[in-house]
Amino acid sequence: MKHVFALFSDGAAAENAVKKLADKGFDTKKAEIHSQDTIKGGSGTPTEPAPNIGTVAGAAGAGVAGDSGMAGGGAAVGGVVLADNTIEGYLSKIGVDSDAIPFYMHGLKEDGHVVGIDVANEDAEQAQSVLTDAGGQIPQAK
C-alpha cells in the first residue's frame, strides 16, 4: 500500500480531484481531503466528514482526516492559530514523506487542501497522474 498526495489551491479543486479518482476506478473511500480546518477539527477519524467538505467529495466517497491542533505561532484559521509543529506532526501522521512535509505545510498555511489516497503500489503512479492532471501540485524532486 502506498500513500499518494497532491496539493490543491482550494476545497472545490480538491473535491474535483477526488471525483476524477473515482472516475478512473480508484476506491475513493480510501481518499481524504486535508486542510487547516481538518487539522484543528480534531475528528481523529479518517472517514468522518468535516464541516468544510462539500457534497462532491462526500458523493465520491472521500473521507476527511482530522487531528487535534495546538495553539501557538503558525497558521491562522478562523481565529485559531495552528503551530507549525502541529501541522508538521499531522502531515507525518497521515503518511507524508518527511522530505515533502515543508511543501505541503506551506500549502496548508496558504489555505490549500491536500488530497491523499491509499493505493496499491502498482497503482501509485496512475493515481499521482490523476491528481496532477486535475491540477494538483507535488513537490519537485531534488
C-alpha atoms as a PDB file:
ATOM      1  CA  MET A   1       0.000   0.000   0.000  1.00  0.00           C
ATOM      2  CA  LYS A   2       1.291   3.461  -0.896  1.00  0.00           C
ATOM      3  CA  HIS A   3       0.128   6.921   0.157  1.00  0.00           C
ATOM      4  CA  VAL A   4      -0.227   9.381  -2.737  1.00  0.00           C
ATOM      5  CA  PHE A   5      -0.708  13.110  -2.100  1.00  0.00           C
ATOM      6  CA  ALA A   6      -1.202  16.330  -4.072  1.00  0.00           C
ATOM      7  CA  LEU A   7      -1.806  19.940  -3.051  1.00  0.00           C
ATOM      8  CA  PHE A   8      -4.779  21.921  -4.367  1.00  0.00           C
ATOM      9  CA  SER A   9      -5.472  25.638  -4.106  1.00  0.00           C
ATOM     10  CA  ASP A  10      -8.970  25.236  -2.656  1.00  0.00           C
ATOM     11  CA  GLY A  11     -11.577  22.774  -1.468  1.00  0.00           C
ATOM     12  CA  ALA A  12     -13.533  22.708  -4.735  1.00  0.00           C
ATOM     13  CA  ALA A  13     -10.416  21.735  -6.698  1.00  0.00           C
ATOM     14  CA  ALA A  14      -9.626  19.022  -4.129  1.00  0.00           C
ATOM     15  CA  GLU A  15     -13.169  17.653  -4.317  1.00  0.00           C
ATOM     16  CA  ASN A  16     -12.973  17.638  -8.118  1.00  0.00           C
ATOM     17  CA  ALA A  17      -9.723  15.635  -7.930  1.00  0.00           C
ATOM     18  CA  VAL A  18     -11.402  13.014  -5.733  1.00  0.00           C
ATOM     19  CA  LYS A  19     -14.212  12.770  -8.284  1.00  0.00           C
ATOM     20  CA  LYS A  20     -11.640  12.242 -11.043  1.00  0.00           C
ATOM     21  CA  LEU A  21     -10.032   9.456  -8.994  1.00  0.00           C
ATOM     22  CA  ALA A  22     -13.456   7.807  -8.709  1.00  0.00           C
ATOM     23  CA  ASP A  23     -13.987   8.230 -12.462  1.00  0.00           C
ATOM     24  CA  LYS A  24     -10.730   6.332 -13.052  1.00  0.00           C
ATOM     25  CA  GLY A  25     -11.881   3.461 -10.845  1.00  0.00           C
ATOM     26  CA  PHE A  26      -9.998   4.237  -7.646  1.00  0.00           C
ATOM     27  CA  ASP A  27     -11.644   3.362  -4.334  1.00  0.00           C
ATOM     28  CA  THR A  28     -12.241   6.881  -3.024  1.00  0.00           C
ATOM     29  CA  LYS A  29     -13.306   5.511   0.347  1.00  0.00           C
ATOM     30  CA  LYS A  30      -9.546   5.473   0.842  1.00  0.00           C
ATOM     31  CA  ALA A  31      -9.241   9.142  -0.170  1.00  0.00           C
ATOM     32  CA  GLU A  32      -9.036  12.047   2.241  1.00  0.00           C
ATOM     33  CA  ILE A  33      -9.049  15.810   1.903  1.00  0.00           C
ATOM     34  CA  HIS A  34      -6.872  17.574   4.455  1.00  0.00           C
ATOM     35  CA  SER A  35      -6.976  21.289   5.286  1.00  0.00           C
ATOM     36  CA  GLN A  36      -6.258  23.534   8.228  1.00  0.00           C
ATOM     37  CA  ASP A  37      -9.856  23.001   9.310  1.00  0.00           C
ATOM     38  CA  THR A  38      -9.435  19.225   9.452  1.00  0.00           C
ATOM     39  CA  ILE A  39      -6.226  19.593  11.433  1.00  0.00           C
ATOM     40  CA  LYS A  40      -7.865  21.835  14.035  1.00  0.00           C
ATOM     41  CA  GLY A  41     -11.180  19.932  13.868  1.00  0.00           C
ATOM     42  CA  GLY A  42      -9.908  17.040  15.919  1.00  0.00           C
ATOM     43  CA  SER A  43     -12.250  14.456  14.399  1.00  0.00           C
ATOM     44  CA  GLY A  44      -9.480  11.879  14.614  1.00  0.00           C
ATOM     45  CA  THR A  45     -11.304   9.572  12.213  1.00  0.00           C
ATOM     46  CA  PRO A  46     -10.316   9.498   8.529  1.00  0.00           C
ATOM     47  CA  THR A  47     -13.843   8.704   7.363  1.00  0.00           C
ATOM     48  CA  GLU A  48     -15.711  11.249   9.472  1.00  0.00           C
ATOM     49  CA  PRO A  49     -16.767  14.263   7.355  1.00  0.00           C
ATOM     50  CA  ALA A  50     -15.703  17.706   8.490  1.00  0.00           C
ATOM     51  CA  PRO A  51     -17.792  20.847   8.027  1.00  0.00           C
ATOM     52  CA  ASN A  52     -15.543  22.273   5.275  1.00  0.00           C
ATOM     53  CA  ILE A  53     -16.068  19.417   2.808  1.00  0.00           C
ATOM     54  CA  GLY A  54     -18.814  19.780   0.225  1.00  0.00           C
ATOM     55  CA  THR A  55     -21.107  17.245  -1.328  1.00  0.00           C
ATOM     56  CA  VAL A  56     -18.876  16.299  -4.265  1.00  0.00           C
ATOM     57  CA  ALA A  57     -16.269  14.665  -2.060  1.00  0.00           C
ATOM     58  CA  GLY A  58     -18.955  13.045   0.043  1.00  0.00           C
ATOM     59  CA  ALA A  59     -20.674  11.691  -3.045  1.00  0.00           C
ATOM     60  CA  ALA A  60     -17.386  10.360  -4.358  1.00  0.00           C
ATOM     61  CA  GLY A  61     -16.799   8.555  -1.082  1.00  0.00           C
ATOM     62  CA  ALA A  62     -13.939  10.687   0.202  1.00  0.00           C
ATOM     63  CA  GLY A  63     -13.415  10.951   3.903  1.00  0.00           C
ATOM     64  CA  VAL A  64     -11.706  13.652   5.861  1.00  0.00           C
ATOM     65  CA  ALA A  65      -8.956  13.139   8.374  1.00  0.00           C
ATOM     66  CA  GLY A  66      -8.597  15.220  11.499  1.00  0.00           C
ATOM     67  CA  ASP A  67      -6.299  15.566  14.448  1.00  0.00           C
ATOM     68  CA  SER A  68      -6.091  17.834  17.436  1.00  0.00           C
ATOM     69  CA  GLY A  69      -4.405  21.178  16.883  1.00  0.00           C
ATOM     70  CA  MET A  70      -2.403  23.167  19.427  1.00  0.00           C
ATOM     71  CA  ALA A  71      -2.392  26.914  19.886  1.00  0.00           C
ATOM     72  CA  GLY A  72       0.873  28.685  19.178  1.00  0.00           C
ATOM     73  CA  GLY A  73       2.772  30.500  16.431  1.00  0.00           C
ATOM     74  CA  GLY A  74       1.855  29.274  12.972  1.00  0.00           C
ATOM     75  CA  ALA A  75      -1.052  29.448  10.540  1.00  0.00           C
ATOM     76  CA  ALA A  76      -4.244  31.326  11.398  1.00  0.00           C
ATOM     77  CA  VAL A  77      -7.560  29.615  10.674  1.00  0.00           C
ATOM     78  CA  GLY A  78     -10.882  31.119  11.658  1.00  0.00           C
ATOM     79  CA  GLY A  79      -9.328  32.872  14.637  1.00  0.00           C
ATOM     80  CA  VAL A  80      -7.379  29.759  15.711  1.00  0.00           C
ATOM     81  CA  VAL A  81      -3.628  29.701  15.184  1.00  0.00           C
ATOM     82  CA  LEU A  82      -2.031  26.357  14.365  1.00  0.00           C
ATOM     83  CA  ALA A  83       1.559  25.835  15.421  1.00  0.00           C
ATOM     84  CA  ASP A  84       3.993  24.759  12.727  1.00  0.00           C
ATOM     85  CA  ASN A  85       4.808  21.633  14.736  1.00  0.00           C
ATOM     86  CA  THR A  86       1.090  20.776  14.841  1.00  0.00           C
ATOM     87  CA  ILE A  87       0.824  20.920  11.051  1.00  0.00           C
ATOM     88  CA  GLU A  88       4.112  19.045  10.643  1.00  0.00           C
ATOM     89  CA  GLY A  89       3.040  16.345  13.100  1.00  0.00           C
ATOM     90  CA  TYR A  90      -0.302  15.961  11.365  1.00  0.00           C
ATOM     91  CA  LEU A  91       1.313  15.567   7.938  1.00  0.00           C
ATOM     92  CA  SER A  92       3.702  12.996   9.329  1.00  0.00           C
ATOM     93  CA  LYS A  93       0.830  11.097  10.942  1.00  0.00           C
ATOM     94  CA  ILE A  94      -1.096  10.838   7.653  1.00  0.00           C
ATOM     95  CA  GLY A  95       1.942   9.432   5.856  1.00  0.00           C
ATOM     96  CA  VAL A  96       3.530  12.372   4.043  1.00  0.00           C
ATOM     97  CA  ASP A  97       7.237  11.749   3.355  1.00  0.00           C
ATOM     98  CA  SER A  98       9.456  13.814   5.644  1.00  0.00           C
ATOM     99  CA  ASP A  99      11.111  15.436   2.589  1.00  0.00           C
ATOM    100  CA  ALA A 100       7.688  16.581   1.299  1.00  0.00           C
ATOM    101  CA  ILE A 101       6.350  17.926   4.606  1.00  0.00           C
ATOM    102  CA  PRO A 102       7.662  21.507   4.134  1.00  0.00           C
ATOM    103  CA  PHE A 103       5.978  21.708   0.706  1.00  0.00           C
ATOM    104  CA  TYR A 104       2.578  20.538   1.974  1.00  0.00           C
ATOM    105  CA  MET A 105       2.901  22.526   5.218  1.00  0.00           C
ATOM    106  CA  HIS A 106       3.406  25.736   3.226  1.00  0.00           C
ATOM    107  CA  GLY A 107       0.420  24.889   1.026  1.00  0.00           C
ATOM    108  CA  LEU A 108      -1.832  24.269   4.015  1.00  0.00           C
ATOM    109  CA  LYS A 109      -0.752  27.557   5.592  1.00  0.00           C
ATOM    110  CA  GLU A 110      -1.820  29.277   2.359  1.00  0.00           C
ATOM    111  CA  ASP A 111      -5.315  27.748   2.763  1.00  0.00           C
ATOM    112  CA  GLY A 112      -4.580  24.901   0.359  1.00  0.00           C
ATOM    113  CA  HIS A 113      -6.055  21.417   0.553  1.00  0.00           C
ATOM    114  CA  VAL A 114      -4.109  18.171   0.387  1.00  0.00           C
ATOM    115  CA  VAL A 115      -5.765  15.175  -1.247  1.00  0.00           C
ATOM    116  CA  GLY A 116      -4.390  11.839  -0.137  1.00  0.00           C
ATOM    117  CA  ILE A 117      -5.313   8.341  -1.189  1.00  0.00           C
ATOM    118  CA  ASP A 118      -4.017   4.897  -0.295  1.00  0.00           C
ATOM    119  CA  VAL A 119      -3.483   2.725  -3.359  1.00  0.00           C
ATOM    120  CA  ALA A 120      -1.716  -0.495  -4.254  1.00  0.00           C
ATOM    121  CA  ASN A 121       1.974   0.093  -5.015  1.00  0.00           C
ATOM    122  CA  GLU A 122       1.454  -0.717  -8.691  1.00  0.00           C
ATOM    123  CA  ASP A 123      -1.334   1.917  -8.938  1.00  0.00           C
ATOM    124  CA  ALA A 124       0.584   4.768  -7.271  1.00  0.00           C
ATOM    125  CA  GLU A 125       1.926   6.305 -10.477  1.00  0.00           C
ATOM    126  CA  GLN A 126      -1.505   6.335 -12.124  1.00  0.00           C
ATOM    127  CA  ALA A 127      -3.148   7.847  -9.017  1.00  0.00           C
ATOM    128  CA  GLN A 128      -0.462  10.544  -8.881  1.00  0.00           C
ATOM    129  CA  SER A 129      -1.076  11.303 -12.568  1.00  0.00           C
ATOM    130  CA  VAL A 130      -4.819  11.643 -11.990  1.00  0.00           C
ATOM    131  CA  LEU A 131      -4.189  14.091  -9.142  1.00  0.00           C
ATOM    132  CA  THR A 132      -1.691  16.200 -11.092  1.00  0.00           C
ATOM    133  CA  ASP A 133      -3.880  16.154 -14.222  1.00  0.00           C
ATOM    134  CA  ALA A 134      -6.672  17.516 -12.004  1.00  0.00           C
ATOM    135  CA  GLY A 135      -4.431  20.474 -11.088  1.00  0.00           C
ATOM    136  CA  GLY A 136      -2.707  19.078  -8.022  1.00  0.00           C
ATOM    137  CA  GLN A 137       0.845  20.096  -7.221  1.00  0.00           C
ATOM    138  CA  ILE A 138       3.517  17.801  -5.876  1.00  0.00           C
ATOM    139  CA  PRO A 139       6.984  18.608  -4.522  1.00  0.00           C
ATOM    140  CA  GLN A 140       9.694  18.667  -7.152  1.00  0.00           C
ATOM    141  CA  ALA A 141      12.389  16.011  -6.794  1.00  0.00           C
ATOM    142  CA  LYS A 142      15.740  17.367  -5.659  1.00  0.00           C
END
